[in-house]
């Protein structure tokens, strides 16, 4: 009898471990490099603890290495031009979205190689954590052919509804001609995006179209719909691509986002200090516009930039502060 009970308990324990979803862990590395006629600021993730991690690490590293190599080559070419102030630049950072057992990583890549302005492009990687293969957009749906037609209708509907006239006249034709779409998951939304100049001018930014879960739930595969329903959008303060607990401490004042200086510095491992001549410093660099709120030092998020330390990469775009270490 005791042997039977032990066998049952052992079986239940094994089953319980098998039911535990794979845990995602991301550790970042940062490359801040300035050479002859080039600058590189790249934040690269390294995922561990789940099957899809290998695919993510391999593909993202390949993409970043290509950008770095190209930037250095451009810098070498620009250095041959006498009296030129031009300098190549490469910036890459990432966001990590999760919805249940689905993980969706988006890298933002900015390249400047001369000319009027640089180019920003997105690259996304989405899949089930326990899979080795990516989830192309057609694999989200029960009927892949019909789903693409439905998505085209929803994208074109949003283009029609736009009253600012930001899209090319041929935008809908471009959408209708596509056989698939690039996308990522944000919360429970499917976000479809296009490259610069594909359906709108550069000034329009990267065109994105949000498809709400409820609008396509009936045609999604059940396991996809179930996981998307668990998705939560990222906070406005992020550490290594994920929501930082500091998101709950930010203050919006007079249209500006204020962040707690010490909490931010502690989270990325940089030293905060004080100099009588300049005031607060981060890794020895003076910080402007520190404001006391209930005894806590706050600073405008937009002023907290990569310049504070060469150990980390920090940017503030839109209303989002991203920090990588």
Protein backbone atom coordinates (compact mmCIF):
# COMPACT_ATOMS: atom_id res chain seq x y z
CA UNK A 1 0.00 0.00 0.00
CA UNK A 2 2.79 2.43 0.96
CA UNK A 3 4.58 1.60 -2.28
CA UNK A 4 1.42 2.33 -4.25
CA UNK A 5 0.96 5.70 -2.51
CA UNK A 6 4.60 6.64 -3.21
CA UNK A 7 4.13 5.74 -6.86
CA UNK A 8 0.99 7.90 -7.10
CA UNK A 9 2.73 10.85 -5.42
CA UNK A 10 5.76 10.53 -7.70
CA UNK A 11 3.50 10.43 -10.76
CA UNK A 12 1.62 13.53 -9.62
CA UNK A 13 4.88 15.41 -8.99
CA UNK A 14 6.21 14.57 -12.45
CA UNK A 15 2.92 15.62 -14.03
CA UNK A 16 2.90 18.90 -12.12
CA UNK A 17 6.40 19.78 -13.33
CA UNK A 18 5.43 18.91 -16.90
CA UNK A 19 2.52 21.36 -16.69
CA UNK A 20 4.68 24.28 -15.58
CA UNK A 21 5.22 26.63 -18.55
CA UNK A 22 8.78 27.43 -19.57
CA UNK A 23 10.05 30.51 -17.76
CA UNK A 24 11.65 33.22 -19.86
CA UNK A 25 14.79 34.94 -18.70
CA UNK A 26 16.55 37.73 -20.55
CA UNK A 27 20.01 39.05 -19.83
CA UNK A 28 21.28 41.98 -21.82
CA UNK A 29 24.64 43.09 -23.16
CA UNK A 30 25.42 46.61 -24.35
CA UNK A 31 27.92 47.82 -26.94
CA UNK A 32 28.73 51.54 -26.95
CA UNK A 33 31.55 52.13 -29.40
CA UNK A 34 32.90 55.21 -31.15
CA UNK A 35 35.46 54.83 -33.90
CA UNK A 36 36.69 56.80 -36.88
CA UNK A 37 33.55 58.25 -38.46
CA UNK A 38 31.14 55.87 -36.75
CA UNK A 39 29.16 55.47 -33.52
CA UNK A 40 27.44 52.32 -32.30
CA UNK A 41 24.91 51.96 -29.46
CA UNK A 42 23.50 48.44 -29.46
CA UNK A 43 21.57 46.60 -26.77
CA UNK A 44 21.47 42.86 -27.40
CA UNK A 45 19.28 40.39 -25.47
CA UNK A 46 20.28 36.89 -24.49
CA UNK A 47 17.35 34.63 -23.64
CA UNK A 48 17.51 31.53 -21.46
CA UNK A 49 15.14 28.97 -19.99
CA UNK A 50 12.88 28.07 -22.92
CA UNK A 51 13.08 26.31 -26.28
CA UNK A 52 12.48 29.33 -28.53
CA UNK A 53 15.40 31.18 -26.89
CA UNK A 54 17.98 29.65 -29.25
CA UNK A 55 16.15 30.91 -32.32
CA UNK A 56 15.76 34.39 -30.81
CA UNK A 57 19.41 34.67 -29.78
CA UNK A 58 20.72 33.45 -33.13
CA UNK A 59 18.51 35.61 -35.35
CA UNK A 60 18.79 38.81 -33.30
CA UNK A 61 22.57 38.53 -32.99
CA UNK A 62 22.83 37.95 -36.74
CA UNK A 63 20.77 41.07 -37.42
CA UNK A 64 22.77 43.24 -35.01
CA UNK A 65 26.15 41.98 -36.24
CA UNK A 66 25.13 42.83 -39.81
CA UNK A 67 24.22 46.37 -38.75
CA UNK A 68 27.48 46.84 -36.85
CA UNK A 69 29.63 45.55 -39.72
CA UNK A 70 27.83 47.74 -42.25
CA UNK A 71 28.22 50.83 -40.04
CA UNK A 72 31.96 50.29 -39.63
CA UNK A 73 32.35 49.85 -43.39
CA UNK A 74 30.41 53.08 -44.00
CA UNK A 75 32.59 54.86 -41.43
CA UNK A 76 35.70 53.70 -43.27
CA UNK A 77 34.33 55.08 -46.55
CA UNK A 78 33.32 58.40 -44.95
CA UNK A 79 36.80 58.80 -43.47
CA UNK A 80 38.16 59.00 -47.02
CA UNK A 81 36.15 62.16 -47.71
CA UNK A 82 38.16 65.25 -46.85
CA UNK A 83 36.63 67.82 -44.50
CA UNK A 84 33.42 65.82 -44.16
CA UNK A 85 31.42 66.18 -40.96
CA UNK A 86 29.37 63.07 -41.75
CA UNK A 87 29.65 60.08 -39.43
CA UNK A 88 27.89 56.71 -39.66
CA UNK A 89 25.62 55.68 -36.80
CA UNK A 90 23.94 52.46 -35.74
CA UNK A 91 21.45 52.13 -32.88
CA UNK A 92 19.64 48.94 -31.93
CA UNK A 93 17.39 48.21 -28.95
CA UNK A 94 14.58 45.79 -28.15
CA UNK A 95 11.25 45.23 -26.39
CA UNK A 96 10.07 41.89 -25.02
CA UNK A 97 6.32 41.25 -25.21
CA UNK A 98 4.71 38.17 -23.70
CA UNK A 99 1.19 36.80 -23.91
CA UNK A 100 0.88 33.58 -21.98
CA UNK A 101 3.29 31.13 -23.62
CA UNK A 102 3.83 33.37 -26.66
CA UNK A 103 6.88 35.64 -26.72
CA UNK A 104 7.28 38.46 -29.23
CA UNK A 105 10.56 40.38 -29.40
CA UNK A 106 10.80 43.60 -31.41
CA UNK A 107 14.13 45.18 -32.30
CA UNK A 108 14.29 48.80 -33.42
CA UNK A 109 17.25 49.50 -35.68
CA UNK A 110 18.39 52.97 -36.74
CA UNK A 111 21.05 53.37 -39.43
CA UNK A 112 22.61 56.60 -40.66
CA UNK A 113 25.08 56.33 -43.51
CA UNK A 114 25.00 59.89 -44.85
CA UNK A 115 22.36 62.01 -46.52
CA UNK A 116 19.45 63.98 -45.13
CA UNK A 117 18.45 61.49 -42.45
CA UNK A 118 18.85 57.93 -41.26
CA UNK A 119 16.41 55.05 -41.56
CA UNK A 120 14.60 53.29 -38.72
CA UNK A 121 13.27 49.78 -39.28
CA UNK A 122 11.62 47.20 -37.04
CA UNK A 123 12.42 43.51 -36.97
CA UNK A 124 10.21 41.15 -34.97
CA UNK A 125 10.48 37.57 -33.78
CA UNK A 126 7.41 35.78 -32.41
CA UNK A 127 6.82 32.21 -31.31
CA UNK A 128 5.62 29.83 -28.63
CA UNK A 129 8.24 29.48 -25.89
CA UNK A 130 8.23 25.68 -26.19
CA UNK A 131 8.75 25.75 -29.98
CA UNK A 132 11.85 25.95 -32.16
CA UNK A 133 10.05 27.61 -35.07
CA UNK A 134 8.74 31.19 -35.40
CA UNK A 135 5.04 31.95 -35.70
CA UNK A 136 4.48 33.61 -39.06
CA UNK A 137 1.24 35.56 -39.11
CA UNK A 138 -0.68 32.93 -41.09
CA UNK A 139 0.05 30.36 -38.37
CA UNK A 140 -2.01 32.37 -35.90
CA UNK A 141 -5.22 31.56 -37.74
CA UNK A 142 -7.37 28.52 -38.49
CA UNK A 143 -7.54 29.33 -42.21
CA UNK A 144 -4.31 30.97 -43.33
CA UNK A 145 -5.55 32.12 -46.76
CA UNK A 146 -8.79 33.65 -45.53
CA UNK A 147 -7.03 35.26 -42.57
CA UNK A 148 -4.71 37.31 -44.80
CA UNK A 149 -7.74 38.62 -46.69
CA UNK A 150 -9.42 39.58 -43.41
CA UNK A 151 -6.27 41.39 -42.25
CA UNK A 152 -6.07 43.30 -45.53
CA UNK A 153 -9.64 44.51 -45.04
CA UNK A 154 -8.91 45.68 -41.50
CA UNK A 155 -5.69 47.47 -42.50
CA UNK A 156 -7.36 49.19 -45.46
CA UNK A 157 -10.25 50.21 -43.22
CA UNK A 158 -7.80 51.98 -40.90
CA UNK A 159 -6.11 53.66 -43.87
CA UNK A 160 -9.50 54.94 -45.06
CA UNK A 161 -10.37 56.18 -41.57
CA UNK A 162 -7.17 58.24 -41.36
CA UNK A 163 -8.04 61.91 -41.85
CA UNK A 164 -4.49 63.27 -41.89
CA UNK A 165 -3.70 62.01 -45.37
CA UNK A 166 -0.38 60.48 -44.32
CA UNK A 167 -0.57 57.47 -46.65
CA UNK A 168 0.39 57.26 -50.31
CA UNK A 169 -2.49 57.03 -52.79
CA UNK A 170 -1.19 53.57 -53.67
CA UNK A 171 -1.13 52.38 -50.03
CA UNK A 172 -4.16 50.09 -50.35
CA UNK A 173 -2.79 48.59 -53.56
CA UNK A 174 0.45 47.80 -51.74
CA UNK A 175 -1.48 46.19 -48.88
CA UNK A 176 -3.61 44.11 -51.26
CA UNK A 177 -0.55 42.87 -53.14
CA UNK A 178 1.11 41.43 -50.03
CA UNK A 179 0.96 37.70 -49.32
CA UNK A 180 1.99 38.02 -45.68
CA UNK A 181 2.66 40.69 -43.05
CA UNK A 182 5.33 41.47 -40.49
CA UNK A 183 3.84 41.70 -37.02
CA UNK A 184 4.41 41.51 -33.29
CA UNK A 185 2.24 40.99 -30.22
CA UNK A 186 1.55 43.88 -27.84
CA UNK A 187 -0.70 42.96 -24.95
CA UNK A 188 -3.55 41.09 -26.62
CA UNK A 189 -3.21 43.05 -29.89
CA UNK A 190 -1.65 41.88 -33.13
CA UNK A 191 0.39 44.81 -34.47
CA UNK A 192 1.13 44.77 -38.21
CA UNK A 193 3.85 47.14 -39.39
CA UNK A 194 5.38 48.34 -42.65
CA UNK A 195 8.81 49.59 -43.65
CA UNK A 196 9.53 53.30 -44.20
CA UNK A 197 8.36 54.49 -47.64
CA UNK A 198 6.37 51.28 -48.21
CA UNK A 199 2.92 52.85 -47.82
CA UNK A 200 3.73 56.30 -46.41
CA UNK A 201 6.49 58.94 -46.54
CA UNK A 202 9.39 58.86 -44.08
CA UNK A 203 7.90 61.68 -42.01
CA UNK A 204 4.94 59.44 -41.14
CA UNK A 205 7.22 57.15 -39.14
CA UNK A 206 6.75 53.39 -39.14
CA UNK A 207 3.12 52.67 -40.11
CA UNK A 208 1.51 50.30 -37.59
CA UNK A 209 -1.98 48.82 -37.52
CA UNK A 210 -3.41 47.32 -34.35
CA UNK A 211 -5.77 44.38 -34.69
CA UNK A 212 -7.67 43.82 -31.45
CA UNK A 213 -8.13 40.28 -30.17
CA UNK A 214 -11.92 40.60 -30.13
CA UNK A 215 -11.94 41.58 -33.81
CA UNK A 216 -10.31 38.33 -34.95
CA UNK A 217 -10.91 35.96 -32.04
CA UNK A 218 -13.30 33.75 -34.01
CA UNK A 219 -10.76 33.02 -36.75
CA UNK A 220 -7.70 32.59 -34.52
CA UNK A 221 -6.49 29.15 -33.53
CA UNK A 222 -7.88 28.41 -30.03
CA UNK A 223 -4.42 28.10 -28.44
CA UNK A 224 -3.39 31.45 -29.92
CA UNK A 225 -6.55 33.24 -28.76
CA UNK A 226 -6.18 31.73 -25.29
CA UNK A 227 -2.62 33.02 -24.92
CA UNK A 228 -3.30 36.45 -26.41
CA UNK A 229 -6.03 36.95 -23.82
CA UNK A 230 -3.28 36.76 -21.16
CA UNK A 231 -1.17 39.49 -22.75
CA UNK A 232 -0.30 42.68 -20.87
CA UNK A 233 1.14 45.80 -22.47
CA UNK A 234 4.60 46.93 -21.44
CA UNK A 235 5.03 49.80 -18.99
CA UNK A 236 6.51 53.17 -19.90
CA UNK A 237 9.76 52.43 -18.02
CA UNK A 238 11.53 49.30 -19.27
CA UNK A 239 14.66 47.45 -18.22
CA UNK A 240 16.22 45.05 -20.74
CA UNK A 241 13.05 45.15 -22.80
CA UNK A 242 10.64 44.28 -19.99
CA UNK A 243 8.45 46.40 -17.71
CA UNK A 244 10.45 47.84 -14.82
CA UNK A 245 8.90 48.18 -11.37
CA UNK A 246 9.84 51.86 -11.67
CA UNK A 247 6.88 52.25 -14.05
CA UNK A 248 4.65 52.55 -10.98
CA UNK A 249 6.80 55.40 -9.60
CA UNK A 250 6.81 57.79 -12.56
CA UNK A 251 5.12 61.18 -12.32
CA UNK A 252 3.56 63.14 -15.18
CA UNK A 253 3.88 66.87 -14.58
CA UNK A 254 3.15 69.70 -17.02
CA UNK A 255 3.37 67.30 -19.94
CA UNK A 256 6.73 65.89 -18.84
CA UNK A 257 7.54 62.42 -17.53
CA UNK A 258 9.53 62.48 -14.28
CA UNK A 259 11.44 59.42 -13.06
CA UNK A 260 12.98 58.71 -9.62
CA UNK A 261 16.70 59.31 -10.12
CA UNK A 262 18.14 56.97 -7.49
CA UNK A 263 15.78 54.09 -8.31
CA UNK A 264 16.67 54.36 -12.00
CA UNK A 265 20.41 54.48 -11.32
CA UNK A 266 20.22 51.51 -8.95
CA UNK A 267 18.30 49.46 -11.52
CA UNK A 268 21.01 49.83 -14.17
CA UNK A 269 23.97 49.76 -11.79
CA UNK A 270 25.36 53.26 -12.24
CA UNK A 271 26.59 55.44 -9.39
CA UNK A 272 24.73 58.55 -8.28
CA UNK A 273 26.66 61.26 -6.49
CA UNK A 274 26.79 64.94 -5.66
CA UNK A 275 29.25 67.67 -6.61
CA UNK A 276 29.01 71.12 -4.94
CA UNK A 277 29.72 72.90 -8.22
CA UNK A 278 27.27 71.02 -10.44
CA UNK A 279 24.81 69.22 -8.16
CA UNK A 280 23.68 65.62 -8.77
CA UNK A 281 25.93 63.41 -10.89
CA UNK A 282 25.61 59.98 -12.48
CA UNK A 283 28.93 58.17 -12.94
CA UNK A 284 30.53 61.60 -12.55
CA UNK A 285 28.40 63.28 -15.24
CA UNK A 286 26.35 66.29 -14.04
CA UNK A 287 22.57 65.86 -14.23
CA UNK A 288 20.35 68.88 -14.80
CA UNK A 289 16.90 69.76 -13.52
CA UNK A 290 16.66 67.51 -10.47
CA UNK A 291 13.37 68.12 -8.67
CA UNK A 292 12.40 67.02 -5.17
CA UNK A 293 8.97 65.38 -4.88
CA UNK A 294 8.02 64.24 -1.38
CA UNK A 295 11.70 64.07 -0.49
CA UNK A 296 12.61 61.98 -3.56
CA UNK A 297 14.85 63.31 -6.35
CA UNK A 298 13.15 63.16 -9.75
CA UNK A 299 14.47 64.03 -13.20
CA UNK A 300 12.82 64.44 -16.59
CA UNK A 301 13.05 61.13 -18.43
CA UNK A 302 14.16 62.80 -21.66
CA UNK A 303 17.27 64.15 -19.91
CA UNK A 304 18.37 60.73 -18.76
CA UNK A 305 20.28 59.59 -21.85
CA UNK A 306 23.14 57.39 -22.99
CA UNK A 307 25.55 60.15 -22.00
CA UNK A 308 25.18 59.34 -18.31
CA UNK A 309 27.34 56.24 -18.59
CA UNK A 310 29.16 54.21 -21.20
CA UNK A 311 28.23 51.01 -19.34
CA UNK A 312 24.57 51.16 -20.32
CA UNK A 313 22.29 52.23 -23.15
CA UNK A 314 19.33 54.46 -22.33
CA UNK A 315 16.87 56.22 -24.61
CA UNK A 316 13.62 58.11 -24.27
CA UNK A 317 11.31 57.91 -27.28
CA UNK A 318 7.71 59.06 -27.22
CA UNK A 319 6.70 58.52 -23.61
CA UNK A 320 8.85 55.43 -23.02
CA UNK A 321 12.15 55.25 -21.15
CA UNK A 322 14.19 52.20 -22.15
CA UNK A 323 17.25 51.12 -20.17
CA UNK A 324 19.67 48.32 -21.01
CA UNK A 325 22.62 46.95 -19.09
